[in-house]
Amino acid sequence: MSGILIFSSQYGEGHFQAGEALTETLRMNSASIEAKHLDFGSFFFIKDYVLRKAYSTMIKKTPKLWRVIFEKTSSITAEDCRKIAKGMEKKKVLDQIWRYEPEVIVSTHFIPAAIMGELKLKGLINVPLVTVVTDYLVHGLWIHSGTDKYIVGDKNVGKRLMDAGVATEKIMPTGIPIRPSFSQSVSKTAARQKLALKADGKTILVMGLNGKPVSSVEEIRDILYTLSAEISAQFLVVCGSNKELYSELKKNIVEDKLGVKLFGHVENVQELMAASDLLITKGGALTISEAIAMGLPMLMYKPIPGHEKGNALFIEAGGAGKMVETTDELIASVVEWVNHPEQLVQMSLAARRVLPANPTENAVNFILQQRKTQKAKGIHAEAIS
């Protein structure tokens, strides 16, 4: 392979989607560059499953405990957790690296970034390592001395890395990579027509609320019923891969009566966003980055403490949305904005100013600049101590 090897993760959809966005853009830009995208968890199925299960359980059942852990460990770097990384330095990972002989290795999650950093410090790989920080709040676990370059969402994230001791020349604020389709212009009228929606009136997109602290079918149902009684609008509700949520909402709401369209997993998020006037979500960095690219105002409801709340505060500071923690706040904000659409217009304009334009192209160009002729060393995995 003469090209780029990308490691991501399924700890939340955002890390994986960032890897997919980079892979797609690399393949579109040059036929001579091969891009390979791998989920690092597939190499450590049992350990990956346990870690993901523990994380999922904690944010669902004890989000306050997760907040405490996140805040108390925020200054801990990846190298302070070497035992975890050491346990994952498996022969299968090195075999993949040596098989593809990449010119650059990119990580969109801090665990593979830490593993790659450890392998490089041990001399087992010698190609440039690029870490893509896929949040607007930096936890120390993203930082490793073996990392050569960091791609970040904006200059403020870069400043936090510099405050933690990362050299300025290692940081590039390109914006978080998003799928290329989000750089294509789609008119609201065309999007609504394609989706068979009403051409006039407000359209509200609800997505990303399919996990704690917002996962109650009753809670989402009550929000939809209350809003439909308070305002004239149509609602697009995306349940993602949560088939149970989709099935229960299908049973519990009358879509035609409420002006609701239910969706499961979708590939046309860009069209749904283009058709909408407001997004109600939590605080996933990829979702809000996509919304920013579309100029779509956001209401971030009960973001997960830690990284998601940091993302939500970032959007608030940029004037592109608002964070709320209660159903009453959510209802009041939506009603206020729909009744005063000039506020939505101002937030839409602010959204387009928050981040750099063409983030994925920027990131890809920066990654390609790191290429070297020297390939990954073919050292046997037995060299791992």
Protein backbone atom coordinates (compact mmCIF):
# COMPACT_ATOMS: atom_id res chain seq x y z
CA MET A 1 0.00 0.00 0.00
CA SER A 2 1.20 3.50 -0.82
CA GLY A 3 -1.07 5.71 1.18
CA ILE A 4 -2.86 6.37 4.43
CA LEU A 5 -3.94 3.95 7.16
CA ILE A 6 -6.76 5.26 9.38
CA PHE A 7 -7.70 3.78 12.76
CA SER A 8 -11.00 4.77 14.35
CA SER A 9 -13.43 3.36 16.87
CA GLN A 10 -17.10 2.59 17.45
CA TYR A 11 -17.13 4.34 20.87
CA GLY A 12 -19.88 6.59 19.65
CA GLU A 13 -20.56 7.07 15.96
CA GLY A 14 -18.53 10.27 15.62
CA HIS A 15 -15.02 8.80 15.74
CA PHE A 16 -15.88 6.23 13.09
CA GLN A 17 -17.65 8.76 10.86
CA ALA A 18 -14.62 11.06 10.98
CA GLY A 19 -12.51 8.16 9.74
CA GLU A 20 -15.03 7.44 7.00
CA ALA A 21 -15.04 11.10 5.95
CA LEU A 22 -11.25 11.15 5.63
CA THR A 23 -11.21 7.85 3.75
CA GLU A 24 -13.88 8.95 1.28
CA THR A 25 -12.20 12.30 0.62
CA LEU A 26 -8.76 10.75 0.18
CA ARG A 27 -10.14 8.30 -2.37
CA MET A 28 -11.99 11.06 -4.21
CA ASN A 29 -8.94 13.33 -4.36
CA SER A 30 -6.36 10.96 -5.80
CA ALA A 31 -6.49 7.60 -7.52
CA SER A 32 -2.81 7.10 -6.69
CA ILE A 33 -3.38 7.30 -2.92
CA GLU A 34 -4.88 4.27 -1.23
CA ALA A 35 -6.75 4.90 2.01
CA LYS A 36 -7.57 2.04 4.39
CA HIS A 37 -9.96 2.56 7.32
CA LEU A 38 -9.92 0.06 10.22
CA ASP A 39 -11.86 -0.18 13.50
CA PHE A 40 -9.15 -0.82 16.08
CA GLY A 41 -11.66 -2.54 18.36
CA SER A 42 -11.99 -5.40 15.88
CA PHE A 43 -8.48 -6.51 16.84
CA PHE A 44 -9.30 -6.77 20.56
CA PHE A 45 -12.91 -7.92 20.47
CA ILE A 46 -13.26 -8.97 24.13
CA LYS A 47 -11.38 -6.04 25.67
CA ASP A 48 -13.06 -3.60 23.29
CA TYR A 49 -16.49 -5.00 24.15
CA VAL A 50 -15.82 -4.74 27.89
CA LEU A 51 -14.61 -1.14 27.63
CA ARG A 52 -17.50 -0.08 25.44
CA LYS A 53 -20.01 -1.82 27.70
CA ALA A 54 -18.55 -0.13 30.79
CA TYR A 55 -18.64 3.28 29.11
CA SER A 56 -22.18 2.81 27.83
CA THR A 57 -23.46 1.59 31.21
CA MET A 58 -21.84 4.47 33.07
CA ILE A 59 -23.25 7.25 30.90
CA LYS A 60 -26.69 5.61 30.96
CA LYS A 61 -26.98 4.79 34.64
CA THR A 62 -24.55 7.13 36.40
CA PRO A 63 -23.83 10.17 34.17
CA LYS A 64 -22.81 12.23 37.20
CA LEU A 65 -20.14 9.67 38.05
CA TRP A 66 -18.90 9.87 34.46
CA ARG A 67 -18.67 13.66 34.79
CA VAL A 68 -16.56 13.35 37.96
CA ILE A 69 -14.24 10.81 36.34
CA PHE A 70 -13.90 12.92 33.19
CA GLU A 71 -13.08 16.08 35.13
CA LYS A 72 -10.74 14.43 37.64
CA THR A 73 -8.73 12.73 34.88
CA SER A 74 -8.73 15.59 32.37
CA SER A 75 -5.03 16.33 32.88
CA ILE A 76 -3.93 12.69 32.60
CA THR A 77 -2.20 11.98 29.28
CA ALA A 78 -2.20 8.77 27.27
CA GLU A 79 1.31 8.00 28.52
CA ASP A 80 0.02 8.01 32.08
CA CYS A 81 -2.15 5.03 31.05
CA ARG A 82 0.57 2.92 29.44
CA LYS A 83 -0.66 -0.31 30.99
CA ILE A 84 -3.91 -0.12 29.01
CA ALA A 85 -2.10 0.62 25.75
CA LYS A 86 0.49 -2.08 26.43
CA GLY A 87 -2.23 -4.67 26.80
CA MET A 88 -3.48 -3.78 23.32
CA GLU A 89 -0.17 -3.87 21.45
CA LYS A 90 -1.05 -7.09 19.72
CA LYS A 91 0.62 -8.79 16.81
CA LYS A 92 -2.54 -8.34 14.74
CA VAL A 93 -2.19 -4.54 14.80
CA LEU A 94 1.43 -4.61 13.72
CA ASP A 95 0.65 -7.19 11.05
CA GLN A 96 -1.93 -4.79 9.61
CA ILE A 97 0.54 -1.90 9.64
CA TRP A 98 3.31 -3.90 8.01
CA ARG A 99 0.89 -5.42 5.52
CA TYR A 100 -0.24 -2.02 4.23
CA GLU A 101 3.10 -0.21 4.68
CA PRO A 102 1.39 3.17 5.08
CA GLU A 103 3.13 6.48 4.59
CA VAL A 104 1.02 8.08 7.33
CA ILE A 105 -1.09 6.60 10.15
CA VAL A 106 -4.12 8.59 11.29
CA SER A 107 -6.14 7.97 14.48
CA THR A 108 -9.57 9.46 15.15
CA HIS A 109 -9.82 8.06 18.69
CA PHE A 110 -7.42 8.46 21.60
CA ILE A 111 -6.94 4.72 22.26
CA PRO A 112 -5.51 3.82 18.84
CA ALA A 113 -3.62 7.14 18.96
CA ALA A 114 -2.02 6.02 22.25
CA ILE A 115 -1.23 2.57 20.88
CA MET A 116 0.42 4.04 17.78
CA GLY A 117 2.38 6.47 19.96
CA GLU A 118 3.71 3.64 22.12
CA LEU A 119 4.68 1.58 19.07
CA LYS A 120 6.54 4.54 17.62
CA LEU A 121 8.43 5.26 20.85
CA LYS A 122 9.52 1.61 20.86
CA GLY A 123 10.78 1.90 17.30
CA LEU A 124 8.27 -0.58 15.91
CA ILE A 125 6.88 1.93 13.41
CA ASN A 126 8.55 4.99 11.96
CA VAL A 127 5.94 6.81 9.88
CA PRO A 128 4.24 10.11 10.76
CA LEU A 129 1.38 9.75 13.25
CA VAL A 130 -1.56 12.15 13.01
CA THR A 131 -4.26 12.30 15.69
CA VAL A 132 -7.64 13.83 14.79
CA VAL A 133 -9.23 15.23 17.95
CA THR A 134 -12.95 14.65 17.38
CA ASP A 135 -14.28 16.85 20.19
CA TYR A 136 -14.25 20.56 20.98
CA LEU A 137 -13.15 19.82 24.55
CA VAL A 138 -9.74 18.19 24.86
CA HIS A 139 -9.16 15.48 27.44
CA GLY A 140 -5.56 14.72 28.29
CA LEU A 141 -5.87 11.18 26.90
CA TRP A 142 -5.64 12.63 23.39
CA ILE A 143 -2.04 13.68 24.11
CA HIS A 144 0.96 11.41 23.50
CA SER A 145 4.60 12.35 22.86
CA GLY A 146 4.78 9.79 20.05
CA THR A 147 2.17 11.74 18.05
CA ASP A 148 3.68 13.93 15.34
CA LYS A 149 0.69 16.11 14.44
CA TYR A 150 -2.76 16.96 15.78
CA ILE A 151 -5.75 17.95 13.67
CA VAL A 152 -8.25 19.92 15.75
CA GLY A 153 -11.69 21.42 15.31
CA ASP A 154 -10.72 25.04 15.92
CA LYS A 155 -7.99 27.30 17.26
CA ASN A 156 -9.35 27.19 20.82
CA VAL A 157 -8.88 23.42 20.91
CA GLY A 158 -5.35 23.99 19.63
CA LYS A 159 -4.72 26.47 22.42
CA ARG A 160 -5.77 23.88 25.01
CA LEU A 161 -3.27 21.44 23.53
CA MET A 162 -0.56 24.10 23.68
CA ASP A 163 -1.46 24.83 27.31
CA ALA A 164 -0.91 21.11 27.96
CA GLY A 165 2.58 21.28 26.47
CA VAL A 166 2.03 20.36 22.81
CA ALA A 167 4.25 22.39 20.47
CA THR A 168 2.45 24.91 18.27
CA GLU A 169 3.93 23.49 15.07
CA LYS A 170 2.32 20.13 15.80
CA ILE A 171 -1.23 21.53 15.69
CA MET A 172 -3.43 22.25 12.68
CA PRO A 173 -6.94 23.70 13.21
CA THR A 174 -8.58 22.36 10.05
CA GLY A 175 -12.00 21.67 11.53
CA ILE A 176 -13.30 18.19 12.38
CA PRO A 177 -13.61 16.06 9.22
CA ILE A 178 -17.17 15.51 8.02
CA ARG A 179 -18.53 13.66 5.01
CA PRO A 180 -17.95 15.38 1.64
CA SER A 181 -21.69 15.60 0.95
CA PHE A 182 -21.96 18.35 3.57
CA SER A 183 -19.87 20.66 1.42
CA GLN A 184 -22.44 20.43 -1.38
CA SER A 185 -25.13 23.07 -1.54
CA VAL A 186 -28.71 21.81 -1.28
CA SER A 187 -31.60 24.28 -1.17
CA LYS A 188 -34.26 23.98 1.51
CA THR A 189 -36.95 23.86 -1.16
CA ALA A 190 -35.27 21.03 -3.09
CA ALA A 191 -34.59 19.02 0.07
CA ARG A 192 -38.19 19.30 1.27
CA GLN A 193 -39.52 18.35 -2.12
CA LYS A 194 -37.29 15.26 -2.27
CA LEU A 195 -38.36 14.23 1.24
CA ALA A 196 -42.05 14.82 0.44
CA LEU A 197 -42.35 17.51 3.13
CA LYS A 198 -44.49 20.61 3.26
CA ALA A 199 -42.78 23.44 1.44
CA ASP A 200 -43.74 26.14 3.93
CA GLY A 201 -43.64 26.39 7.71
CA LYS A 202 -40.88 25.38 10.10
CA THR A 203 -39.19 21.98 10.04
CA ILE A 204 -37.50 20.64 13.16
CA LEU A 205 -35.01 17.77 13.00
CA VAL A 206 -34.62 15.60 16.10
CA MET A 207 -31.65 13.23 16.11
CA GLY A 208 -29.00 11.87 18.44
CA LEU A 209 -31.42 11.50 21.36
CA ASN A 210 -31.29 7.69 21.22
CA GLY A 211 -29.15 7.15 24.30
CA LYS A 212 -29.04 8.27 27.92
CA PRO A 213 -29.51 10.73 29.47
CA VAL A 214 -32.29 11.00 26.86
CA SER A 215 -33.60 7.59 25.87
CA SER A 216 -37.08 7.40 27.34
CA VAL A 217 -39.72 6.81 24.68
CA GLU A 218 -42.21 8.59 26.90
CA GLU A 219 -39.96 11.63 27.22
CA ILE A 220 -39.47 12.01 23.48
CA ARG A 221 -43.17 11.32 22.85
CA ASP A 222 -44.23 13.97 25.37
CA ILE A 223 -41.86 16.52 23.83
CA LEU A 224 -43.34 15.91 20.38
CA TYR A 225 -46.93 16.11 21.63
CA THR A 226 -46.28 19.32 23.56
CA LEU A 227 -44.45 21.02 20.71
CA SER A 228 -47.10 20.05 18.15
CA ALA A 229 -49.71 21.67 20.38
CA GLU A 230 -47.65 24.85 20.90
CA ILE A 231 -46.35 25.55 17.39
CA SER A 232 -47.08 24.85 13.75
CA ALA A 233 -44.18 22.76 12.49
CA GLN A 234 -43.23 19.43 10.96
CA PHE A 235 -40.84 17.13 12.82
CA LEU A 236 -38.24 14.74 11.43
CA VAL A 237 -37.24 12.23 14.11
CA VAL A 238 -34.19 10.06 13.44
CA CYS A 239 -33.79 7.03 15.74
CA GLY A 240 -30.55 5.81 14.17
CA SER A 241 -29.65 2.21 14.85
CA ASN A 242 -31.92 2.08 17.92
CA LYS A 243 -34.59 -0.22 16.49
CA GLU A 244 -36.37 -0.46 19.85
CA LEU A 245 -36.78 3.32 20.05
CA TYR A 246 -38.11 3.44 16.49
CA SER A 247 -40.57 0.62 17.13
CA GLU A 248 -41.86 2.09 20.39
CA LEU A 249 -42.25 5.59 18.98
CA LYS A 250 -44.10 4.11 16.02
CA LYS A 251 -46.56 2.56 18.47
CA ASN A 252 -46.84 5.60 20.74
CA ILE A 253 -47.37 8.51 18.36
CA VAL A 254 -49.72 9.25 15.50
CA GLU A 255 -47.32 10.60 12.88
CA ASP A 256 -49.88 12.28 10.62
CA LYS A 257 -51.67 13.96 13.51
CA LEU A 258 -48.46 15.41 14.98
CA GLY A 259 -46.76 16.23 11.70
CA VAL A 260 -43.99 13.74 12.51
CA LYS A 261 -41.91 11.63 10.15
CA LEU A 262 -40.00 8.80 11.83
CA PHE A 263 -36.72 7.45 10.47
CA GLY A 264 -34.45 4.61 11.57
CA HIS A 265 -30.85 4.55 10.34
CA VAL A 266 -30.39 7.06 7.52
CA GLU A 267 -27.66 7.89 5.03
CA ASN A 268 -29.16 11.21 3.90
CA VAL A 269 -28.49 13.32 6.99
CA GLN A 270 -27.35 16.18 4.78
CA GLU A 271 -30.76 16.29 3.06
CA LEU A 272 -32.59 16.15 6.38
CA MET A 273 -30.48 19.03 7.71
CA ALA A 274 -30.93 21.03 4.50
CA ALA A 275 -34.71 20.70 4.85
CA SER A 276 -34.71 21.80 8.49
CA ASP A 277 -34.78 25.12 10.35
CA LEU A 278 -33.64 23.76 13.73
CA LEU A 279 -31.83 20.69 15.05
CA ILE A 280 -32.57 19.19 18.46
CA THR A 281 -29.72 16.90 19.46
CA LYS A 282 -27.35 16.18 22.37
CA GLY A 283 -23.76 17.15 21.84
CA GLY A 284 -21.97 14.70 19.56
CA ALA A 285 -19.13 16.55 17.85
CA LEU A 286 -19.70 15.10 14.38
CA THR A 287 -23.42 15.86 14.37
CA ILE A 288 -22.90 19.45 15.48
CA SER A 289 -20.02 19.87 13.01
CA GLU A 290 -22.30 18.73 10.20
CA ALA A 291 -25.01 21.11 11.38
CA ILE A 292 -22.51 23.99 11.47
CA ALA A 293 -21.49 23.24 7.89
CA MET A 294 -25.17 23.43 6.91
CA GLY A 295 -25.77 26.64 8.87
CA LEU A 296 -28.36 24.82 10.98
CA PRO A 297 -29.12 26.28 14.46
CA MET A 298 -29.02 23.79 17.32
CA LEU A 299 -30.74 23.11 20.61
CA MET A 300 -28.58 20.68 22.57
CA TYR A 301 -30.65 18.73 25.05
CA LYS A 302 -29.05 16.97 28.02
CA PRO A 303 -25.59 16.46 26.53
CA ILE A 304 -23.48 13.77 28.20
CA PRO A 305 -21.32 15.36 30.93
CA GLY A 306 -17.72 15.87 29.87
CA HIS A 307 -16.98 15.86 26.16
CA GLU A 308 -20.55 16.39 24.89
CA LYS A 309 -21.22 19.20 27.32
CA GLY A 310 -17.94 20.78 26.22
CA ASN A 311 -19.09 20.54 22.61
CA ALA A 312 -22.42 22.14 23.50
CA LEU A 313 -20.74 25.02 25.33
CA PHE A 314 -18.53 25.57 22.28
CA ILE A 315 -21.61 25.96 20.08
CA GLU A 316 -23.24 28.29 22.62
CA ALA A 317 -20.15 30.49 22.72
CA GLY A 318 -20.24 30.75 18.94
CA GLY A 319 -23.87 31.88 18.96
CA ALA A 320 -25.02 28.94 16.84
CA GLY A 321 -27.24 27.30 19.44
CA LYS A 322 -28.18 26.77 23.05
CA MET A 323 -27.80 24.03 25.66
CA VAL A 324 -30.77 23.06 27.83
CA GLU A 325 -31.08 20.51 30.61
CA THR A 326 -34.84 20.24 31.16
CA THR A 327 -37.88 19.52 29.03
CA ASP A 328 -39.43 22.85 30.04
CA GLU A 329 -36.36 24.73 28.82
CA LEU A 330 -36.42 22.81 25.55
CA ILE A 331 -40.09 23.54 24.91
CA ALA A 332 -39.73 27.22 25.81
CA SER A 333 -36.70 27.68 23.55
CA VAL A 334 -38.27 26.00 20.53
CA VAL A 335 -41.49 28.00 20.90
CA GLU A 336 -39.52 31.24 21.30
CA TRP A 337 -37.40 30.62 18.20
CA VAL A 338 -40.27 29.47 15.98
CA ASN A 339 -42.32 32.53 16.97
CA HIS A 340 -39.32 34.79 16.40
CA PRO A 341 -37.67 33.33 13.28
CA GLU A 342 -35.20 36.20 13.06
CA GLN A 343 -33.37 34.53 15.96
CA LEU A 344 -32.99 31.36 13.89
CA VAL A 345 -31.64 33.44 11.01
CA GLN A 346 -29.01 35.03 13.27
CA MET A 347 -27.95 31.65 14.67
CA SER A 348 -27.71 30.23 11.16
CA LEU A 349 -25.38 33.04 10.14
CA ALA A 350 -23.34 32.54 13.32
CA ALA A 351 -23.04 28.80 12.64
CA ARG A 352 -21.34 29.42 9.33
CA ARG A 353 -18.75 31.62 11.05
CA VAL A 354 -17.90 29.21 13.87
CA LEU A 355 -15.53 26.86 12.06
CA PRO A 356 -13.17 26.86 9.07
CA ALA A 357 -14.72 26.14 5.67
CA ASN A 358 -13.97 22.82 3.95
CA PRO A 359 -12.71 21.02 7.08
CA THR A 360 -12.26 17.59 5.47
CA GLU A 361 -10.35 18.95 2.50
CA ASN A 362 -8.16 20.93 4.90
CA ALA A 363 -7.48 17.84 6.99
CA VAL A 364 -6.72 15.63 3.98
CA ASN A 365 -4.29 18.17 2.53
CA PHE A 366 -2.52 18.41 5.88
CA ILE A 367 -2.30 14.61 6.19
CA LEU A 368 -0.87 14.28 2.69
CA GLN A 369 1.81 16.83 3.57
CA GLN A 370 3.09 14.42 6.23
CA ARG A 371 3.86 11.64 3.77
CA LYS A 372 7.36 10.19 3.68
CA THR A 373 9.05 7.72 1.39
CA GLN A 374 10.11 5.65 4.38
CA LYS A 375 7.55 2.92 5.11
CA ALA A 376 6.68 1.17 8.36
CA LYS A 377 9.46 -1.12 9.56
CA GLY A 378 8.92 -4.84 9.22
CA ILE A 379 9.93 -5.65 12.78
CA HIS A 380 8.54 -8.86 14.18
CA ALA A 381 5.82 -8.58 16.77
CA GLU A 382 7.95 -10.61 19.16
CA ALA A 383 9.97 -7.43 19.67
CA ILE A 384 7.21 -6.04 21.87
CA SER A 385 8.29 -6.07 25.50
